[in-house]
Amino acid sequence: MVAASKESKFFDDRHKWNPLPHYFYNKTHNKSKNYQFSNFTRAYRSWFVPYLKTRIHSHEFRPLLSFLYTDLNCNLNCHYCYCRGKKIPGMTMQVAKDAVKWLQSVGCRVLAYMGGEPLVRKDFIIELTRYAVKNGFFVYLPTNGILMDKPFIDDIGEAGISVINLAVDAIDGYKGIPKYFNRIKPQFQYLVQQEKKYGYITFFNINITKNNVTDAKKLTEIAHSHGIGTDYHINEPPQIEYQDFDHEQDGAWITEAEYYEVDNLLDWIIQKNLEGYTMVNSVKHLRAMKLFIRHQLPAWPCMAGMYSMIIRLDGSFAPCFELYGSNEDWGNIYDGHKFDPEKLSRQKQKCSPHCLSTCNFQVSHYSSSLIYSLQWLAKHADLLTDTFW
């Protein structure tokens, strides 16, 4: 149990934002008005309109965001990653297209690939992106970038990709952290160069571990200098035991010895956020990370299984990443969902204090009010940064 004083502090803080906030316009990005308008329009259609419909039809299951696992295979072995599936076949194109059709039928218009590493099958991702975009989807591609090359960047850009999320944790690699900037620098430079041509958004996805505090700052500055955003995770051990996960002891989990250093990093990131650096994370989320690493995070209003969901390789459902490996029957794309609100609520009281999923925390935060949802819309147009909670 979390002490009442700690719980009240967490939830009291979120109400201290100014109801008439000021915004810092990011003048360093120099994005064209056409680029901004295109991304605003795309986000309006795929995020904001479905959000309004979800609020109007609150009794219906209408997820705003779906994560589609195309592969569990990966070309790397990050010690903190417990997604292992090198012997498991990836999703078939038929299941993938059926998933897009099902999502369309329930009003969802945002499709995020997950893995593994999606680019272990580049042709699959390009074809599926074309199909999803033609059906009105905002498509989000996370990748470690190593398998990217110029032809792929051009092909995925022409296919209509909306966002490319580059997972990098360090400037140069070290044991257990093989995702590093200098390994993908040529790909990164071409990716940013082609951003205006194809209209996609690029950002860095940085996992904060016990080892990469200095690297996280450097990566933040590199992103800012190139006019792209950042997205931060706090390193989390798995909640479910995976038989083939070999790094329970060396996953770079944050311990008490690193609290002070990580606190300083988070304070620095928050300050950069308030100065106008473009970031996916809300300040509220960054502050919650301090409670999380101390195991003091109270249950928070996770919307997994409601506003967000997982589609596994075979088309079956799960509420979130952490429960991908659960044996619970949550439904599938052919028979429909089995997300029971009461069951989910009981589950989250147990699991949310031990999870600070960046994706699901942002979904919860930005869908909690009209003001926050408008802020999320503006972020996609690269018009402003998050300067309030």
Protein backbone atom coordinates (compact mmCIF):
# COMPACT_ATOMS: atom_id res chain seq x y z
CA MET A 1 0.00 0.00 0.00
CA VAL A 2 1.16 3.53 -0.78
CA ALA A 3 1.04 5.95 2.10
CA ALA A 4 -1.91 8.33 1.90
CA SER A 5 0.33 11.39 2.08
CA LYS A 6 2.32 10.25 -0.96
CA GLU A 7 -0.81 9.41 -2.91
CA SER A 8 -2.43 12.76 -2.20
CA LYS A 9 0.76 14.61 -3.19
CA PHE A 10 0.78 12.92 -6.59
CA PHE A 11 -2.82 13.70 -7.35
CA ASP A 12 -2.84 17.19 -5.81
CA ASP A 13 0.01 18.28 -8.06
CA ARG A 14 -1.95 17.71 -11.24
CA HIS A 15 -4.46 20.42 -10.34
CA LYS A 16 -1.88 23.20 -9.97
CA TRP A 17 -1.71 24.08 -13.66
CA ASN A 18 -2.79 27.55 -14.76
CA PRO A 19 -6.22 27.41 -16.50
CA LEU A 20 -4.91 30.05 -18.93
CA PRO A 21 -1.46 28.62 -19.72
CA HIS A 22 1.10 30.31 -21.92
CA TYR A 23 2.85 28.39 -24.67
CA PHE A 24 6.39 28.54 -25.94
CA TYR A 25 6.44 28.46 -29.71
CA ASN A 26 9.40 26.52 -31.00
CA LYS A 27 11.17 28.89 -33.37
CA THR A 28 14.17 26.65 -33.91
CA HIS A 29 12.33 24.09 -36.00
CA ASN A 30 11.59 26.33 -38.98
CA LYS A 31 8.97 23.93 -40.30
CA SER A 32 6.97 25.25 -43.25
CA LYS A 33 3.35 26.27 -42.86
CA ASN A 34 2.37 23.54 -45.34
CA TYR A 35 4.14 20.93 -43.20
CA GLN A 36 2.44 22.19 -40.05
CA PHE A 37 -0.99 22.41 -41.68
CA SER A 38 -0.67 18.92 -43.16
CA ASN A 39 0.17 17.40 -39.79
CA PHE A 40 -2.54 19.41 -38.06
CA THR A 41 -5.12 18.16 -40.56
CA ARG A 42 -3.95 14.57 -40.29
CA ALA A 43 -4.00 14.66 -36.48
CA TYR A 44 -7.40 16.35 -36.49
CA ARG A 45 -8.94 13.59 -38.62
CA SER A 46 -7.29 10.63 -36.94
CA TRP A 47 -6.96 11.77 -33.30
CA PHE A 48 -9.29 14.62 -32.48
CA VAL A 49 -12.47 13.62 -34.34
CA PRO A 50 -12.36 10.03 -32.98
CA TYR A 51 -11.70 11.50 -29.52
CA LEU A 52 -14.85 13.62 -29.73
CA LYS A 53 -16.87 10.62 -30.95
CA THR A 54 -15.49 8.55 -28.06
CA ARG A 55 -16.71 11.17 -25.62
CA ILE A 56 -20.13 11.37 -27.29
CA HIS A 57 -20.54 7.58 -27.52
CA SER A 58 -19.04 6.85 -24.12
CA HIS A 59 -21.04 3.61 -23.75
CA GLU A 60 -19.35 2.10 -26.82
CA PHE A 61 -15.89 0.56 -27.21
CA ARG A 62 -14.08 3.08 -29.41
CA PRO A 63 -10.28 2.91 -28.91
CA LEU A 64 -8.27 5.94 -29.97
CA LEU A 65 -5.01 4.08 -30.43
CA SER A 66 -4.11 0.52 -31.35
CA PHE A 67 -0.71 -1.15 -31.18
CA LEU A 68 -0.27 -3.84 -33.82
CA TYR A 69 2.43 -6.43 -33.13
CA THR A 70 3.75 -7.34 -36.57
CA ASP A 71 6.74 -9.31 -35.22
CA LEU A 72 8.33 -10.43 -31.99
CA ASN A 73 11.60 -10.98 -33.79
CA CYS A 74 14.36 -8.38 -33.42
CA ASN A 75 17.86 -7.75 -34.74
CA LEU A 76 19.11 -6.67 -31.28
CA ASN A 77 19.29 -8.00 -27.74
CA CYS A 78 18.68 -5.08 -25.39
CA HIS A 79 19.00 -6.38 -21.84
CA TYR A 80 15.95 -4.53 -20.58
CA CYS A 81 13.68 -5.83 -23.37
CA TYR A 82 11.63 -8.93 -22.60
CA CYS A 83 10.00 -9.26 -26.01
CA ARG A 84 11.49 -12.49 -27.29
CA GLY A 85 10.18 -14.26 -30.36
CA LYS A 86 12.87 -15.22 -32.80
CA LYS A 87 11.23 -18.63 -33.34
CA ILE A 88 7.70 -17.24 -33.69
CA PRO A 89 6.40 -16.39 -37.19
CA GLY A 90 5.36 -12.78 -37.66
CA MET A 91 1.83 -11.56 -38.37
CA THR A 92 0.47 -12.53 -41.77
CA MET A 93 -0.66 -9.82 -44.18
CA GLN A 94 -4.19 -11.21 -44.10
CA VAL A 95 -4.43 -10.85 -40.33
CA ALA A 96 -2.88 -7.38 -40.56
CA LYS A 97 -5.40 -6.16 -43.11
CA ASP A 98 -8.27 -7.79 -41.21
CA ALA A 99 -7.05 -5.92 -38.11
CA VAL A 100 -7.14 -2.61 -40.00
CA LYS A 101 -10.71 -3.35 -41.14
CA TRP A 102 -11.79 -4.23 -37.61
CA LEU A 103 -10.22 -1.08 -36.15
CA GLN A 104 -11.97 0.94 -38.83
CA SER A 105 -15.28 -0.60 -37.81
CA VAL A 106 -14.90 0.55 -34.18
CA GLY A 107 -13.81 4.07 -35.10
CA CYS A 108 -10.08 3.80 -34.42
CA ARG A 109 -7.84 5.69 -36.86
CA VAL A 110 -4.39 5.46 -35.25
CA LEU A 111 -2.25 2.40 -35.89
CA ALA A 112 1.12 1.98 -34.18
CA TYR A 113 3.40 -0.89 -35.13
CA MET A 114 5.08 -2.86 -32.36
CA GLY A 115 7.64 -5.65 -32.04
CA GLY A 116 10.29 -6.92 -31.84
CA GLU A 117 11.69 -4.75 -34.57
CA PRO A 118 9.12 -4.03 -37.30
CA LEU A 119 11.80 -3.56 -39.95
CA VAL A 120 12.88 -7.20 -39.90
CA ARG A 121 10.22 -7.32 -42.65
CA LYS A 122 10.49 -3.97 -44.43
CA ASP A 123 8.36 -4.92 -47.45
CA PHE A 124 5.58 -6.06 -45.10
CA ILE A 125 5.62 -2.72 -43.26
CA ILE A 126 5.59 -0.69 -46.49
CA GLU A 127 2.66 -2.64 -47.95
CA LEU A 128 0.66 -2.52 -44.72
CA THR A 129 1.32 1.21 -44.33
CA ARG A 130 0.00 1.90 -47.83
CA TYR A 131 -3.09 -0.13 -47.06
CA ALA A 132 -3.75 1.53 -43.69
CA VAL A 133 -3.16 5.06 -45.00
CA LYS A 134 -5.56 4.47 -47.90
CA ASN A 135 -8.14 3.50 -45.28
CA GLY A 136 -7.68 6.75 -43.40
CA PHE A 137 -5.18 5.74 -40.70
CA PHE A 138 -2.48 7.74 -38.96
CA VAL A 139 0.40 5.22 -38.96
CA TYR A 140 3.21 5.28 -36.43
CA LEU A 141 6.47 3.36 -36.90
CA PRO A 142 8.86 2.67 -34.01
CA THR A 143 12.27 1.33 -34.99
CA ASN A 144 15.83 1.11 -33.73
CA GLY A 145 16.80 2.49 -37.14
CA ILE A 146 19.60 0.02 -37.85
CA LEU A 147 17.80 -1.69 -40.72
CA MET A 148 16.70 1.59 -42.30
CA ASP A 149 18.34 2.76 -45.50
CA LYS A 150 17.63 5.52 -48.02
CA PRO A 151 15.36 3.42 -50.28
CA PHE A 152 13.26 2.33 -47.31
CA ILE A 153 12.95 5.88 -45.98
CA ASP A 154 11.73 7.06 -49.39
CA ASP A 155 9.36 4.10 -49.77
CA ILE A 156 7.81 4.47 -46.32
CA GLY A 157 7.55 8.23 -46.86
CA GLU A 158 5.72 7.73 -50.16
CA ALA A 159 3.47 5.14 -48.46
CA GLY A 160 2.23 7.93 -46.18
CA ILE A 161 3.80 7.17 -42.80
CA SER A 162 2.79 9.75 -40.18
CA VAL A 163 5.41 9.32 -37.45
CA ILE A 164 8.81 7.62 -37.24
CA ASN A 165 10.02 6.98 -33.72
CA LEU A 166 13.76 6.26 -33.47
CA ALA A 167 14.67 4.27 -30.36
CA VAL A 168 18.11 5.40 -29.19
CA ASP A 169 19.48 5.20 -25.66
CA ALA A 170 23.09 6.33 -25.97
CA ILE A 171 25.60 8.17 -28.13
CA ASP A 172 27.89 5.14 -28.34
CA GLY A 173 26.87 1.63 -27.40
CA TYR A 174 27.77 -0.32 -24.31
CA LYS A 175 26.88 -3.69 -22.86
CA GLY A 176 23.16 -4.34 -22.91
CA ILE A 177 22.38 -1.07 -24.73
CA PRO A 178 23.03 -1.65 -28.45
CA LYS A 179 20.70 1.16 -29.64
CA TYR A 180 23.01 4.14 -30.01
CA PHE A 181 23.07 7.28 -32.11
CA ASN A 182 26.41 6.94 -33.86
CA ARG A 183 25.33 3.53 -35.15
CA ILE A 184 22.45 5.08 -37.10
CA LYS A 185 23.74 8.60 -37.74
CA PRO A 186 23.67 8.36 -41.58
CA GLN A 187 20.11 6.98 -41.52
CA PHE A 188 19.07 9.65 -39.05
CA GLN A 189 20.46 12.48 -41.16
CA TYR A 190 18.65 11.28 -44.28
CA LEU A 191 15.44 10.70 -42.31
CA VAL A 192 15.43 14.29 -41.05
CA GLN A 193 16.42 15.59 -44.48
CA GLN A 194 13.36 13.93 -46.08
CA GLU A 195 10.92 14.96 -43.34
CA LYS A 196 9.49 18.00 -45.16
CA LYS A 197 9.27 16.17 -48.49
CA TYR A 198 7.05 13.40 -47.12
CA GLY A 199 5.45 15.24 -44.20
CA TYR A 200 6.15 12.71 -41.45
CA ILE A 201 7.17 13.56 -37.89
CA THR A 202 10.43 12.22 -36.44
CA PHE A 203 11.36 11.91 -32.79
CA PHE A 204 13.75 10.10 -30.48
CA ASN A 205 12.49 7.48 -28.05
CA ILE A 206 14.86 7.36 -25.07
CA ASN A 207 14.69 4.75 -22.32
CA ILE A 208 16.16 6.13 -19.08
CA THR A 209 18.20 3.41 -17.37
CA LYS A 210 20.74 3.35 -14.54
CA ASN A 211 23.54 3.78 -17.09
CA ASN A 212 22.59 6.44 -19.64
CA VAL A 213 21.78 9.67 -17.76
CA THR A 214 24.51 11.66 -19.53
CA ASP A 215 23.57 10.14 -22.90
CA ALA A 216 19.90 11.10 -22.41
CA LYS A 217 20.88 14.76 -22.07
CA LYS A 218 23.09 14.64 -25.16
CA LEU A 219 20.38 12.92 -27.21
CA THR A 220 17.87 15.55 -26.10
CA GLU A 221 20.16 18.30 -27.36
CA ILE A 222 20.80 16.48 -30.66
CA ALA A 223 17.06 16.14 -31.21
CA HIS A 224 16.44 19.79 -30.40
CA SER A 225 19.23 20.98 -32.69
CA HIS A 226 17.70 18.98 -35.56
CA GLY A 227 14.18 20.28 -34.93
CA ILE A 228 12.69 16.97 -33.79
CA GLY A 229 11.02 15.90 -30.56
CA THR A 230 11.83 13.44 -27.81
CA ASP A 231 9.90 10.82 -25.89
CA TYR A 232 11.13 9.38 -22.57
CA HIS A 233 10.52 6.08 -20.85
CA ILE A 234 11.68 5.03 -17.42
CA ASN A 235 13.24 1.57 -17.44
CA GLU A 236 10.75 -1.03 -16.16
CA PRO A 237 11.25 -4.69 -15.27
CA PRO A 238 8.55 -7.07 -16.57
CA GLN A 239 5.45 -7.71 -14.46
CA ILE A 240 4.95 -11.15 -15.97
CA GLU A 241 7.58 -13.90 -15.75
CA TYR A 242 8.91 -14.82 -19.19
CA GLN A 243 10.72 -18.15 -19.40
CA ASP A 244 13.14 -17.03 -22.11
CA PHE A 245 14.03 -13.67 -20.54
CA ASP A 246 17.67 -13.90 -19.44
CA HIS A 247 18.36 -10.48 -17.97
CA GLU A 248 16.38 -10.23 -14.74
CA GLN A 249 19.56 -9.20 -12.93
CA ASP A 250 21.30 -7.04 -15.55
CA GLY A 251 18.49 -5.13 -17.24
CA ALA A 252 19.90 -1.74 -16.14
CA TRP A 253 16.99 -1.29 -13.72
CA ILE A 254 17.22 1.88 -11.64
CA THR A 255 18.17 1.26 -8.01
CA GLU A 256 18.34 3.49 -4.94
CA ALA A 257 21.95 4.30 -5.76
CA GLU A 258 20.82 6.10 -8.93
CA TYR A 259 17.82 8.01 -7.52
CA TYR A 260 19.65 11.32 -7.10
CA GLU A 261 21.22 11.21 -10.57
CA VAL A 262 17.93 10.26 -12.26
CA ASP A 263 16.07 12.96 -10.30
CA ASN A 264 18.50 15.56 -11.61
CA LEU A 265 18.05 14.28 -15.16
CA LEU A 266 14.26 14.47 -14.86
CA ASP A 267 14.46 18.01 -13.45
CA TRP A 268 16.68 18.95 -16.38
CA ILE A 269 14.26 17.41 -18.91
CA ILE A 270 11.31 19.19 -17.30
CA GLN A 271 13.16 22.49 -17.49
CA LYS A 272 13.94 21.92 -21.17
CA ASN A 273 10.27 21.08 -21.73
CA LEU A 274 9.25 24.38 -20.18
CA GLU A 275 11.86 26.22 -22.23
CA GLY A 276 10.20 25.03 -25.41
CA TYR A 277 11.87 21.74 -26.35
CA THR A 278 9.36 19.55 -28.18
CA MET A 279 8.48 16.48 -26.11
CA VAL A 280 5.80 13.81 -26.25
CA ASN A 281 5.71 13.49 -22.46
CA SER A 282 3.62 15.75 -20.30
CA VAL A 283 5.39 17.35 -17.34
CA LYS A 284 3.03 15.38 -15.14
CA HIS A 285 4.41 12.14 -16.55
CA LEU A 286 8.03 13.19 -16.09
CA ARG A 287 7.37 14.09 -12.46
CA ALA A 288 5.59 10.78 -11.86
CA MET A 289 8.79 8.97 -12.86
CA LYS A 290 10.39 10.03 -9.55
CA LEU A 291 7.66 8.24 -7.61
CA PHE A 292 7.82 5.23 -9.89
CA ILE A 293 11.52 4.50 -9.41
CA ARG A 294 10.97 4.67 -5.63
CA HIS A 295 8.04 2.23 -5.84
CA GLN A 296 5.74 4.96 -4.47
CA LEU A 297 3.53 5.48 -7.52
CA PRO A 298 -0.18 5.27 -6.66
CA ALA A 299 -2.69 3.69 -9.04
CA TRP A 300 -3.26 6.06 -11.97
CA PRO A 301 -6.15 6.21 -14.47
CA CYS A 302 -4.75 3.93 -17.16
CA MET A 303 -7.07 3.69 -20.18
CA ALA A 304 -5.66 0.46 -21.64
CA GLY A 305 -8.48 -1.72 -22.95
CA MET A 306 -10.61 1.40 -23.32
CA TYR A 307 -8.82 4.15 -25.26
CA SER A 308 -5.83 2.00 -26.24
CA MET A 309 -5.31 -1.69 -26.96
CA ILE A 310 -2.94 -4.35 -28.26
CA ILE A 311 -3.46 -6.64 -31.25
CA ARG A 312 -1.22 -9.70 -31.06
CA LEU A 313 0.35 -11.59 -33.96
CA ASP A 314 -2.67 -13.89 -34.36
CA GLY A 315 -5.25 -11.09 -34.15
CA SER A 316 -6.12 -11.66 -30.50
CA PHE A 317 -6.35 -8.73 -28.07
CA ALA A 318 -4.65 -7.60 -24.90
CA PRO A 319 -5.14 -4.34 -23.01
CA CYS A 320 -1.47 -3.30 -22.99
CA PHE A 321 2.18 -4.27 -23.55
CA GLU A 322 2.66 -5.59 -20.03
CA LEU A 323 -0.24 -8.01 -20.45
CA TYR A 324 0.75 -9.24 -23.90
CA GLY A 325 1.77 -12.56 -22.38
CA SER A 326 -1.29 -13.00 -20.15
CA ASN A 327 -3.56 -16.01 -20.68
CA GLU A 328 -6.72 -13.95 -20.25
CA ASP A 329 -9.15 -14.04 -23.21
CA TRP A 330 -9.71 -10.41 -24.22
CA GLY A 331 -11.24 -11.21 -27.62
CA ASN A 332 -9.94 -10.97 -31.18
CA ILE A 333 -10.52 -9.19 -34.49
CA TYR A 334 -12.88 -11.88 -35.75
CA ASP A 335 -15.16 -12.36 -32.72
CA GLY A 336 -14.93 -8.90 -31.18
CA HIS A 337 -13.54 -7.62 -27.90
CA LYS A 338 -14.07 -8.91 -24.36
CA PHE A 339 -12.76 -5.89 -22.47
CA ASP A 340 -14.88 -5.76 -19.34
CA PRO A 341 -14.57 -2.35 -17.59
CA GLU A 342 -14.97 -3.77 -14.07
CA LYS A 343 -12.38 -6.49 -14.67
CA LEU A 344 -9.98 -3.95 -16.16
CA SER A 345 -10.48 -1.60 -13.22
CA ARG A 346 -9.59 -4.34 -10.73
CA GLN A 347 -6.57 -5.32 -12.81
CA LYS A 348 -5.25 -1.75 -12.98
CA GLN A 349 -5.50 -1.19 -9.25
CA LYS A 350 -2.94 -3.97 -8.99
CA CYS A 351 -0.71 -3.31 -11.98
CA SER A 352 -0.66 0.46 -12.59
CA PRO A 353 1.46 1.29 -9.49
CA HIS A 354 4.14 -0.97 -11.00
CA CYS A 355 3.89 0.38 -14.55
CA LEU A 356 4.51 3.83 -16.01
CA SER A 357 3.87 3.10 -19.67
CA THR A 358 4.66 6.26 -21.63
CA CYS A 359 2.16 5.38 -24.36
CA ASN A 360 -0.73 4.65 -22.01
CA PHE A 361 0.07 7.49 -19.62
CA GLN A 362 -0.06 9.97 -22.50
CA VAL A 363 -3.32 8.49 -23.78
CA SER A 364 -4.79 8.88 -20.29
CA HIS A 365 -3.43 12.40 -19.87
CA TYR A 366 -4.34 13.88 -23.24
CA SER A 367 -7.80 12.26 -23.35
CA SER A 368 -8.71 13.48 -19.85
CA SER A 369 -9.99 16.88 -20.99
CA LEU A 370 -10.77 18.90 -24.10
CA ILE A 371 -7.94 21.32 -23.31
CA TYR A 372 -5.36 18.53 -23.16
CA SER A 373 -6.67 16.92 -26.34
CA LEU A 374 -6.34 20.24 -28.17
CA GLN A 375 -2.80 20.49 -26.87
CA TRP A 376 -2.03 17.03 -28.29
CA LEU A 377 -3.45 18.15 -31.62
CA ALA A 378 -1.18 21.21 -31.62
CA LYS A 379 1.86 19.08 -30.81
CA HIS A 380 1.37 17.10 -34.01
CA ALA A 381 1.36 20.33 -35.99
CA ASP A 382 4.66 21.26 -34.29
CA LEU A 383 3.07 24.52 -33.18
CA LEU A 384 3.86 24.41 -29.48
CA THR A 385 5.32 22.41 -26.65
CA ASP A 386 3.81 21.11 -23.44
CA THR A 387 4.23 23.89 -20.91
CA PHE A 388 1.57 22.79 -18.48
CA TRP A 389 0.49 19.59 -16.81
